[in-house]
Amino acid sequence: MGAFINIETPVIENFLGIFKAFSKIGLGSMESLRKALPTVSFDEFEHHIGHDVILELDKMPSIKAYKIKPSGKTYDVVACDTSVIKLADGPFGYLAALRGSVVRKGSSGDIESWIIGPLIFFVSLEDSMPLLASVSEFMGVQPMNEDFETVHKSISSLLEKWLQRSLASTFSDSILLFDGSLTAGPADNSLQLIRETLSEAERNDNVVLAFSKSTHLSYMGIRITSLLPNLDPPCVVDVSDAVCSPLRMHKFGRILVSHLSKTFFPYRLDVSGRKIDDCLLAIGNLISSDALIYGYPETLLLAHNYCTFNKLDVLALQKLLRQEFNIDVFNMGDVRDSLFNPLDGQ
């Protein structure tokens, strides 16, 4: 699904710039792989998609529920997402593949999609910091001291933030849908990026809605998605004024619990609007502009599906590694399977 569009449009120019920059960094990291890692082994899929920040609730009396009414107006809806998979693990480091996607549903119902990647890179056990430093420098942020095992997740998060900022500056008068939250802090080095993204979005008359499929935000040990209002969907519960941010954590916009469909799931929903009336209007515009499958926007669901890796993708990447980098790919077996399978009968 996706329309052929002019490669000279600003949208394509922005995404090509992202692809070229990340591709150059990834290929640079693979140069050491040609000499240092002749054999690797492929694991089962290990996905990392989205993130959440642990917060706590206080001041429960400030929590209010609101009924949502479709506005009757349709807007362009633009969503982006990224995923990363750890492809292989060897004696000198590991290989990872990264992919991003953008889906735009026009106000007239037309759909366009763009896929950035897959981008392959090598994380060296001896020194993984130059890779992360290169990505951080391209993004214009300070590099973080990441654990070797989570470098690929940090790079995926940075690509996602870059895509979000590109959407905010490229599109106007649109609804922008992100995966995750609008909470940021030093842990994921995204504070500056989120602030810039929301400033760009406001400058271009965009509104940002971020959906979290799961959340750690809780009150007295109960997740906020368990809060059930005495209203029929579509409705939301505003918990913004009850959120107590930990030291050095920042929340942008308002934090809601969305019940946008009578069928199934509630979600944490962060909206860039500062006033609750603006947030309710933005959600009403979303309901009129996009299909809600189980209370989740279809456009964001498509973006998630387009960036997620499957087994055919892995087979193609295996062939690429053999042809371009002369890597012999084989399965070394799993320690846990070898130890415990004879005992559990699997």
Protein backbone atom coordinates (compact mmCIF):
# COMPACT_ATOMS: atom_id res chain seq x y z
CA MET A 1 0.00 0.00 0.00
CA GLY A 2 1.51 3.30 -0.98
CA ALA A 3 1.36 5.73 -3.83
CA PHE A 4 4.06 6.59 -6.35
CA ILE A 5 5.08 10.14 -5.68
CA ASN A 6 7.57 12.62 -7.09
CA ILE A 7 11.02 11.85 -5.69
CA GLU A 8 11.79 15.58 -5.69
CA THR A 9 9.07 16.44 -3.18
CA PRO A 10 10.26 17.88 0.18
CA VAL A 11 8.95 14.79 1.97
CA ILE A 12 11.14 12.43 -0.04
CA GLU A 13 14.12 14.78 0.19
CA ASN A 14 13.89 14.73 3.99
CA PHE A 15 13.56 10.96 4.22
CA LEU A 16 16.36 10.38 1.70
CA GLY A 17 18.59 12.58 3.82
CA ILE A 18 17.80 10.46 6.88
CA PHE A 19 18.38 7.23 4.97
CA LYS A 20 21.70 8.36 3.50
CA ALA A 21 23.04 9.61 6.83
CA PHE A 22 22.12 6.50 8.82
CA SER A 23 23.20 4.23 5.97
CA LYS A 24 26.63 5.88 5.82
CA ILE A 25 27.09 5.46 9.56
CA GLY A 26 25.93 1.84 9.43
CA LEU A 27 28.19 0.93 6.51
CA GLY A 28 31.09 2.60 8.27
CA SER A 29 30.54 0.35 11.28
CA MET A 30 30.45 -2.70 8.99
CA GLU A 31 33.97 -2.03 7.68
CA SER A 32 35.49 -3.52 10.81
CA LEU A 33 33.16 -6.49 10.44
CA ARG A 34 34.78 -7.55 7.17
CA LYS A 35 38.04 -8.26 9.00
CA ALA A 36 36.97 -9.12 12.52
CA LEU A 37 33.82 -11.24 12.37
CA PRO A 38 33.96 -14.08 9.82
CA THR A 39 31.16 -16.11 11.42
CA VAL A 40 28.06 -15.17 13.36
CA SER A 41 24.92 -16.90 14.55
CA PHE A 42 21.34 -15.74 14.11
CA ASP A 43 18.99 -15.64 17.07
CA GLU A 44 15.22 -15.64 17.14
CA PHE A 45 13.57 -12.27 16.69
CA GLU A 46 14.30 -9.72 19.38
CA HIS A 47 12.21 -6.63 18.76
CA HIS A 48 12.42 -3.29 20.49
CA ILE A 49 9.59 -0.96 19.56
CA GLY A 50 8.64 2.14 21.48
CA HIS A 51 9.37 3.00 25.10
CA ASP A 52 7.71 4.32 28.21
CA VAL A 53 8.81 6.23 31.27
CA ILE A 54 7.97 5.25 34.83
CA LEU A 55 5.94 7.94 36.60
CA GLU A 56 3.61 7.97 39.58
CA LEU A 57 0.22 9.52 40.20
CA ASP A 58 -0.85 11.70 43.08
CA LYS A 59 -3.82 14.03 43.73
CA MET A 60 -6.43 11.59 42.47
CA PRO A 61 -9.33 14.08 42.97
CA SER A 62 -7.90 16.08 40.04
CA ILE A 63 -8.61 13.22 37.62
CA LYS A 64 -11.56 13.93 35.33
CA ALA A 65 -13.33 12.04 32.52
CA TYR A 66 -14.56 13.66 29.30
CA LYS A 67 -16.85 12.50 26.54
CA ILE A 68 -15.35 12.84 23.04
CA LYS A 69 -17.45 14.00 20.09
CA PRO A 70 -16.29 13.61 16.47
CA SER A 71 -15.63 17.06 15.07
CA GLY A 72 -16.90 16.22 11.59
CA LYS A 73 -13.75 17.74 10.08
CA THR A 74 -11.11 15.64 8.34
CA TYR A 75 -7.38 16.32 8.44
CA ASP A 76 -4.27 14.67 7.09
CA VAL A 77 -3.06 12.03 9.54
CA VAL A 78 0.67 11.22 9.52
CA ALA A 79 2.25 8.46 11.64
CA CYS A 80 5.78 7.15 12.08
CA ASP A 81 7.41 4.25 13.91
CA THR A 82 10.71 2.36 14.04
CA SER A 83 11.84 -1.11 15.01
CA VAL A 84 15.21 -2.74 15.50
CA ILE A 85 16.16 -6.39 15.53
CA LYS A 86 19.35 -7.95 16.83
CA LEU A 87 20.30 -10.10 13.86
CA ALA A 88 23.39 -11.92 14.98
CA ASP A 89 25.80 -12.33 17.85
CA GLY A 90 29.47 -13.18 17.42
CA PRO A 91 32.72 -13.22 19.40
CA PHE A 92 33.51 -9.56 18.64
CA GLY A 93 30.08 -7.93 18.78
CA TYR A 94 26.66 -8.15 17.21
CA LEU A 95 24.80 -7.18 14.05
CA ALA A 96 21.55 -5.25 14.18
CA ALA A 97 19.07 -4.06 11.57
CA LEU A 98 16.97 -0.94 11.87
CA ARG A 99 13.94 0.21 9.91
CA GLY A 100 11.58 3.16 10.08
CA SER A 101 8.29 3.90 8.37
CA VAL A 102 5.99 6.84 7.72
CA VAL A 103 2.34 6.56 6.67
CA ARG A 104 0.18 9.48 5.60
CA LYS A 105 -3.58 9.26 5.23
CA GLY A 106 -4.87 12.29 3.35
CA SER A 107 -8.09 14.07 4.24
CA SER A 108 -9.53 12.69 1.00
CA GLY A 109 -8.73 9.10 2.00
CA ASP A 110 -5.60 8.56 -0.11
CA ILE A 111 -2.69 6.75 1.58
CA GLU A 112 1.04 7.16 1.03
CA SER A 113 3.78 5.22 2.78
CA TRP A 114 7.57 5.50 3.02
CA ILE A 115 9.99 2.94 4.45
CA ILE A 116 13.46 3.96 5.63
CA GLY A 117 15.80 0.97 5.67
CA PRO A 118 16.57 -1.67 6.55
CA LEU A 119 19.84 -0.20 7.84
CA ILE A 120 22.41 -2.73 9.03
CA PHE A 121 25.14 -1.84 11.51
CA PHE A 122 27.76 -3.61 13.60
CA VAL A 123 28.18 -2.92 17.32
CA SER A 124 31.72 -3.75 18.36
CA LEU A 125 32.33 -5.37 21.73
CA GLU A 126 35.74 -3.72 21.92
CA ASP A 127 34.46 -0.18 21.40
CA SER A 128 30.81 0.60 20.64
CA MET A 129 30.95 4.30 21.53
CA PRO A 130 32.18 5.65 18.15
CA LEU A 131 29.05 4.27 16.47
CA LEU A 132 26.68 5.85 18.99
CA ALA A 133 28.73 9.06 18.95
CA SER A 134 28.41 9.29 15.16
CA VAL A 135 24.62 8.92 15.30
CA SER A 136 24.37 11.42 18.18
CA GLU A 137 26.52 13.94 16.34
CA PHE A 138 24.31 13.65 13.26
CA MET A 139 21.25 14.20 15.47
CA GLY A 140 22.85 17.17 17.20
CA VAL A 141 22.62 15.68 20.71
CA GLN A 142 25.18 14.67 23.30
CA PRO A 143 26.13 10.96 23.15
CA MET A 144 25.15 8.82 26.12
CA ASN A 145 27.25 6.18 27.85
CA GLU A 146 25.15 3.20 26.85
CA ASP A 147 25.61 -0.43 27.81
CA PHE A 148 27.02 -2.51 24.95
CA GLU A 149 23.89 -4.67 24.81
CA THR A 150 21.51 -1.72 24.36
CA VAL A 151 23.37 0.41 21.80
CA HIS A 152 21.07 -0.80 18.99
CA LYS A 153 17.99 0.24 20.97
CA SER A 154 19.43 3.70 21.55
CA ILE A 155 20.14 4.13 17.85
CA SER A 156 16.60 3.03 17.02
CA SER A 157 15.21 5.57 19.50
CA LEU A 158 17.31 8.34 17.95
CA LEU A 159 16.09 7.48 14.44
CA GLU A 160 12.50 7.55 15.67
CA LYS A 161 13.00 10.98 17.25
CA TRP A 162 14.57 12.22 14.01
CA LEU A 163 11.61 10.96 12.00
CA GLN A 164 9.20 12.64 14.39
CA ARG A 165 11.02 15.95 14.09
CA SER A 166 11.03 15.62 10.29
CA LEU A 167 7.25 15.09 10.24
CA ALA A 168 6.73 18.14 12.43
CA SER A 169 8.75 20.34 10.07
CA THR A 170 7.57 18.81 6.76
CA PHE A 171 3.79 18.65 7.22
CA SER A 172 1.36 21.38 8.24
CA ASP A 173 -2.20 21.54 9.57
CA SER A 174 -2.04 17.78 10.23
CA ILE A 175 -2.51 15.24 13.01
CA LEU A 176 0.84 13.63 13.84
CA LEU A 177 0.74 10.20 15.50
CA PHE A 178 3.72 8.87 17.47
CA ASP A 179 4.32 5.57 19.23
CA GLY A 180 5.16 5.99 22.92
CA SER A 181 4.86 9.06 25.10
CA LEU A 182 5.76 12.74 25.20
CA THR A 183 7.72 12.31 28.42
CA ALA A 184 11.46 12.77 28.23
CA GLY A 185 14.55 12.88 30.36
CA PRO A 186 18.27 12.23 30.43
CA ALA A 187 17.81 8.46 30.41
CA ASP A 188 17.04 8.29 26.69
CA ASN A 189 18.61 11.62 25.64
CA SER A 190 15.39 12.76 24.00
CA LEU A 191 14.47 15.90 25.94
CA GLN A 192 15.99 18.29 23.43
CA LEU A 193 14.58 16.36 20.46
CA ILE A 194 11.03 16.23 21.79
CA ARG A 195 11.10 19.92 22.68
CA GLU A 196 12.27 20.79 19.14
CA THR A 197 9.67 18.48 17.59
CA LEU A 198 6.77 19.99 19.51
CA SER A 199 7.97 23.51 18.74
CA GLU A 200 8.13 22.69 15.02
CA ALA A 201 4.70 21.04 15.18
CA GLU A 202 3.12 24.08 16.83
CA ARG A 203 4.81 26.42 14.34
CA ASN A 204 3.25 24.47 11.45
CA ASP A 205 -0.21 24.15 13.05
CA ASN A 206 0.19 20.43 13.68
CA VAL A 207 -1.06 18.57 16.75
CA VAL A 208 0.81 15.58 18.16
CA LEU A 209 -0.90 12.54 19.68
CA ALA A 210 1.32 9.81 21.14
CA PHE A 211 -0.23 6.41 21.90
CA SER A 212 1.36 3.97 24.35
CA LYS A 213 0.26 0.34 24.00
CA SER A 214 1.57 -0.28 27.51
CA THR A 215 2.49 2.04 30.34
CA HIS A 216 4.19 1.98 33.73
CA LEU A 217 2.21 5.00 34.88
CA SER A 218 0.27 3.85 37.92
CA TYR A 219 -1.54 4.83 41.09
CA MET A 220 -1.13 2.68 44.22
CA GLY A 221 0.17 -0.18 42.11
CA ILE A 222 -2.64 -0.04 39.53
CA ARG A 223 -1.89 0.97 35.93
CA ILE A 224 -3.76 4.03 34.74
CA THR A 225 -5.23 2.05 31.84
CA SER A 226 -7.39 0.31 34.45
CA LEU A 227 -9.18 3.58 35.21
CA LEU A 228 -12.72 3.11 33.88
CA PRO A 229 -14.85 6.24 33.52
CA ASN A 230 -18.61 6.19 33.96
CA LEU A 231 -19.01 7.24 30.31
CA ASP A 232 -19.60 5.38 27.07
CA PRO A 233 -16.71 5.43 24.56
CA PRO A 234 -15.32 7.46 22.95
CA CYS A 235 -14.10 9.16 26.08
CA VAL A 236 -10.84 9.99 27.86
CA VAL A 237 -9.63 10.31 31.43
CA ASP A 238 -7.35 13.30 32.06
CA VAL A 239 -4.64 12.41 34.61
CA SER A 240 -2.25 15.26 33.72
CA ASP A 241 -2.64 17.24 36.94
CA ALA A 242 -2.19 14.09 39.02
CA VAL A 243 1.19 13.16 37.53
CA CYS A 244 4.20 13.78 39.74
CA SER A 245 7.33 13.75 37.58
CA PRO A 246 10.52 12.33 39.08
CA LEU A 247 13.54 14.58 39.30
CA ARG A 248 14.89 15.62 35.87
CA MET A 249 11.91 14.09 34.03
CA HIS A 250 9.76 16.34 31.84
CA LYS A 251 6.24 15.82 30.53
CA PHE A 252 4.94 17.76 27.55
CA GLY A 253 1.26 18.37 26.84
CA ARG A 254 -1.42 16.47 28.68
CA ILE A 255 -1.54 12.81 29.70
CA LEU A 256 -4.83 10.98 29.16
CA VAL A 257 -6.24 7.48 29.25
CA SER A 258 -8.13 6.96 26.00
CA HIS A 259 -11.21 4.78 25.57
CA LEU A 260 -11.93 5.52 21.91
CA SER A 261 -13.70 2.29 20.95
CA LYS A 262 -16.35 0.15 22.58
CA THR A 263 -14.28 -2.90 21.64
CA PHE A 264 -11.31 -3.59 23.88
CA PHE A 265 -8.29 -1.66 24.74
CA PRO A 266 -7.55 1.60 26.57
CA TYR A 267 -4.23 3.36 25.94
CA ARG A 268 -2.12 6.04 27.50
CA LEU A 269 -2.50 9.04 25.20
CA ASP A 270 -0.24 12.11 25.36
CA VAL A 271 -1.51 15.17 23.47
CA SER A 272 0.66 18.19 22.71
CA GLY A 273 -2.09 20.68 23.58
CA ARG A 274 -1.71 22.52 26.88
CA LYS A 275 -5.44 23.05 27.51
CA ILE A 276 -7.85 20.16 27.90
CA ASP A 277 -10.34 21.74 25.46
CA ASP A 278 -7.65 21.81 22.76
CA CYS A 279 -6.85 18.15 23.45
CA LEU A 280 -10.49 17.09 23.26
CA LEU A 281 -10.86 18.91 19.94
CA ALA A 282 -7.72 17.24 18.57
CA ILE A 283 -9.02 13.78 19.53
CA GLY A 284 -12.40 14.60 18.00
CA ASN A 285 -10.59 15.54 14.78
CA LEU A 286 -8.70 12.23 14.88
CA ILE A 287 -11.93 10.25 15.24
CA SER A 288 -13.33 12.02 12.18
CA SER A 289 -10.11 11.57 10.16
CA ASP A 290 -8.89 8.03 10.89
CA ALA A 291 -10.29 4.58 11.54
CA LEU A 292 -9.88 3.34 15.11
CA ILE A 293 -9.18 -0.39 15.32
CA TYR A 294 -9.67 -1.48 18.92
CA GLY A 295 -9.33 2.16 19.91
CA TYR A 296 -5.95 2.51 18.12
CA PRO A 297 -5.49 4.68 14.99
CA GLU A 298 -5.22 2.67 11.76
CA THR A 299 -2.52 4.96 10.35
CA LEU A 300 -0.24 4.37 13.34
CA LEU A 301 -0.99 0.65 13.15
CA LEU A 302 0.12 0.62 9.48
CA ALA A 303 3.32 2.48 10.36
CA HIS A 304 4.05 -0.15 13.00
CA ASN A 305 3.42 -3.02 10.60
CA TYR A 306 5.58 -1.53 7.83
CA CYS A 307 8.63 -1.11 10.05
CA THR A 308 8.44 -4.49 11.80
CA PHE A 309 10.80 -7.23 10.61
CA ASN A 310 9.54 -10.70 9.64
CA LYS A 311 11.27 -13.96 8.75
CA LEU A 312 11.45 -13.13 5.03
CA ASP A 313 13.27 -9.93 5.92
CA VAL A 314 15.80 -11.90 7.94
CA LEU A 315 16.39 -14.35 5.08
CA ALA A 316 17.01 -11.45 2.71
CA LEU A 317 19.45 -9.88 5.17
CA GLN A 318 21.24 -13.21 5.54
CA LYS A 319 21.77 -13.36 1.78
CA LEU A 320 22.99 -9.76 1.77
CA LEU A 321 25.54 -10.54 4.48
CA ARG A 322 26.86 -13.49 2.50
CA GLN A 323 27.08 -11.60 -0.78
CA GLU A 324 28.34 -8.21 0.33
CA PHE A 325 30.35 -9.00 3.46
CA ASN A 326 31.33 -12.64 2.94
CA ILE A 327 29.88 -13.68 6.29
CA ASP A 328 29.07 -17.33 6.85
CA VAL A 329 25.79 -17.40 8.76
CA PHE A 330 24.97 -20.43 10.86
CA ASN A 331 23.02 -21.33 13.99
CA MET A 332 25.24 -22.10 16.97
CA GLY A 333 22.35 -23.32 19.09
CA ASP A 334 20.99 -21.91 22.30
CA VAL A 335 22.46 -22.63 25.72
CA ARG A 336 19.09 -22.58 27.50
CA ASP A 337 17.49 -24.85 24.91
CA SER A 338 20.36 -27.33 25.17
CA LEU A 339 20.24 -27.38 28.98
CA PHE A 340 16.53 -27.36 29.67
CA ASN A 341 14.69 -28.81 26.65
CA PRO A 342 15.48 -32.44 27.61
CA LEU A 343 13.92 -31.72 30.98
CA ASP A 344 10.78 -29.85 29.97
CA GLY A 345 9.97 -32.17 27.04
CA GLN A 346 9.99 -29.54 24.30
